[in-house]
Amino acid sequence: MFHGVESLRLQYKGTKGYLKAVEKEQIIEWMMVQVYLRLSDLQKY
């Protein structure tokens, strides 16, 4: 059995994302053409 940081690193699987692969691609493409990135702009998009 692992303890401490070792147990987190080996057992943590992460969470399932909310976006589909196509939606992620669209957001990344949109972000790449922005001169400045602001969280509020991303939330509106």
N, C-alpha and C. Protein backbone atom coordinates (compact mmCIF):
# COMPACT_ATOMS: atom_id res chain seq x y z
N MET A 1 0.85 -1.19 0.00
CA MET A 1 0.00 0.00 0.00
C MET A 1 0.89 1.24 0.00
N PHE A 2 0.50 2.24 -0.79
CA PHE A 2 1.28 3.47 -0.90
C PHE A 2 0.74 4.52 0.06
N HIS A 3 1.62 5.42 0.46
CA HIS A 3 1.24 6.49 1.37
C HIS A 3 1.70 7.83 0.81
N GLY A 4 1.05 8.89 1.23
CA GLY A 4 1.47 10.24 0.86
C GLY A 4 1.34 10.53 -0.62
N VAL A 5 2.31 11.28 -1.15
CA VAL A 5 2.31 11.73 -2.54
C VAL A 5 2.30 10.55 -3.50
N GLU A 6 3.00 9.49 -3.19
CA GLU A 6 3.05 8.31 -4.06
C GLU A 6 1.65 7.76 -4.33
N SER A 7 0.79 7.73 -3.33
CA SER A 7 -0.56 7.19 -3.53
C SER A 7 -1.38 8.11 -4.43
N LEU A 8 -1.20 9.40 -4.30
CA LEU A 8 -1.93 10.34 -5.15
C LEU A 8 -1.48 10.20 -6.60
N ARG A 9 -0.21 10.13 -6.81
CA ARG A 9 0.33 10.08 -8.16
C ARG A 9 -0.08 8.80 -8.88
N LEU A 10 -0.13 7.71 -8.19
CA LEU A 10 -0.41 6.43 -8.83
C LEU A 10 -1.89 6.12 -8.94
N GLN A 11 -2.71 6.64 -8.06
CA GLN A 11 -4.12 6.25 -8.03
C GLN A 11 -5.07 7.29 -8.59
N TYR A 12 -4.66 8.52 -8.71
CA TYR A 12 -5.58 9.56 -9.18
C TYR A 12 -5.81 9.42 -10.67
N LYS A 13 -7.05 9.30 -11.08
CA LYS A 13 -7.41 9.12 -12.49
C LYS A 13 -7.94 10.40 -13.13
N GLY A 14 -8.18 11.42 -12.34
CA GLY A 14 -8.73 12.66 -12.88
C GLY A 14 -10.25 12.57 -13.00
N THR A 15 -10.83 13.62 -13.53
CA THR A 15 -12.27 13.64 -13.71
C THR A 15 -12.60 13.65 -15.20
N LYS A 16 -13.79 13.24 -15.52
CA LYS A 16 -14.22 13.26 -16.91
C LYS A 16 -14.52 14.70 -17.30
N GLY A 17 -14.04 15.11 -18.46
CA GLY A 17 -14.26 16.48 -18.92
C GLY A 17 -15.70 16.74 -19.29
N TYR A 18 -16.06 18.00 -19.32
CA TYR A 18 -17.43 18.40 -19.65
C TYR A 18 -17.62 18.57 -21.15
N LEU A 19 -16.52 18.81 -21.86
CA LEU A 19 -16.61 19.11 -23.28
C LEU A 19 -16.30 17.90 -24.14
N LYS A 20 -16.94 17.86 -25.29
CA LYS A 20 -16.63 16.83 -26.28
C LYS A 20 -15.35 17.24 -27.00
N ALA A 21 -14.70 16.29 -27.67
CA ALA A 21 -13.43 16.56 -28.36
C ALA A 21 -13.58 17.70 -29.37
N VAL A 22 -14.68 17.73 -30.10
CA VAL A 22 -14.91 18.78 -31.10
C VAL A 22 -15.03 20.14 -30.43
N GLU A 23 -15.71 20.19 -29.31
CA GLU A 23 -15.87 21.45 -28.59
C GLU A 23 -14.52 21.95 -28.07
N LYS A 24 -13.69 21.04 -27.58
CA LYS A 24 -12.35 21.43 -27.12
C LYS A 24 -11.54 22.00 -28.27
N GLU A 25 -11.59 21.36 -29.43
CA GLU A 25 -10.86 21.85 -30.60
C GLU A 25 -11.31 23.24 -30.98
N GLN A 26 -12.62 23.47 -30.97
CA GLN A 26 -13.16 24.79 -31.33
C GLN A 26 -12.67 25.86 -30.36
N ILE A 27 -12.66 25.56 -29.09
CA ILE A 27 -12.21 26.53 -28.09
C ILE A 27 -10.72 26.81 -28.26
N ILE A 28 -9.92 25.77 -28.48
CA ILE A 28 -8.48 25.96 -28.65
C ILE A 28 -8.20 26.80 -29.89
N GLU A 29 -8.91 26.53 -30.98
CA GLU A 29 -8.74 27.32 -32.21
C GLU A 29 -9.10 28.78 -31.95
N TRP A 30 -10.20 29.01 -31.23
CA TRP A 30 -10.62 30.38 -30.91
C TRP A 30 -9.55 31.07 -30.06
N MET A 31 -9.01 30.36 -29.08
CA MET A 31 -8.00 30.94 -28.20
C MET A 31 -6.72 31.30 -28.96
N MET A 32 -6.37 30.48 -29.94
CA MET A 32 -5.13 30.72 -30.69
C MET A 32 -5.18 31.99 -31.53
N VAL A 33 -6.35 32.44 -31.93
CA VAL A 33 -6.45 33.65 -32.75
C VAL A 33 -6.67 34.91 -31.92
N GLN A 34 -6.80 34.76 -30.61
CA GLN A 34 -6.99 35.93 -29.75
C GLN A 34 -5.65 36.59 -29.45
N VAL A 35 -5.65 37.91 -29.50
CA VAL A 35 -4.45 38.66 -29.16
C VAL A 35 -4.25 38.64 -27.64
N TYR A 36 -5.31 38.89 -26.92
CA TYR A 36 -5.29 38.86 -25.46
C TYR A 36 -6.34 37.87 -25.00
N LEU A 37 -6.00 37.09 -23.99
CA LEU A 37 -6.95 36.13 -23.44
C LEU A 37 -7.41 36.60 -22.07
N ARG A 38 -8.70 36.73 -21.93
CA ARG A 38 -9.29 37.07 -20.63
C ARG A 38 -10.31 36.00 -20.29
N LEU A 39 -10.37 35.64 -19.05
CA LEU A 39 -11.30 34.61 -18.60
C LEU A 39 -12.73 35.01 -18.93
N SER A 40 -13.06 36.28 -18.78
CA SER A 40 -14.43 36.73 -19.07
C SER A 40 -14.78 36.52 -20.54
N ASP A 41 -13.83 36.72 -21.44
CA ASP A 41 -14.09 36.48 -22.87
C ASP A 41 -14.31 34.99 -23.14
N LEU A 42 -13.52 34.16 -22.50
CA LEU A 42 -13.66 32.72 -22.68
C LEU A 42 -15.02 32.26 -22.14
N GLN A 43 -15.45 32.79 -21.02
CA GLN A 43 -16.75 32.42 -20.46
C GLN A 43 -17.89 32.83 -21.39
N LYS A 44 -17.75 33.99 -22.03
CA LYS A 44 -18.79 34.44 -22.97
C LYS A 44 -18.81 33.58 -24.22
N TYR A 45 -17.63 33.15 -24.67
CA TYR A 45 -17.54 32.31 -25.86
C TYR A 45 -18.22 30.99 -25.63
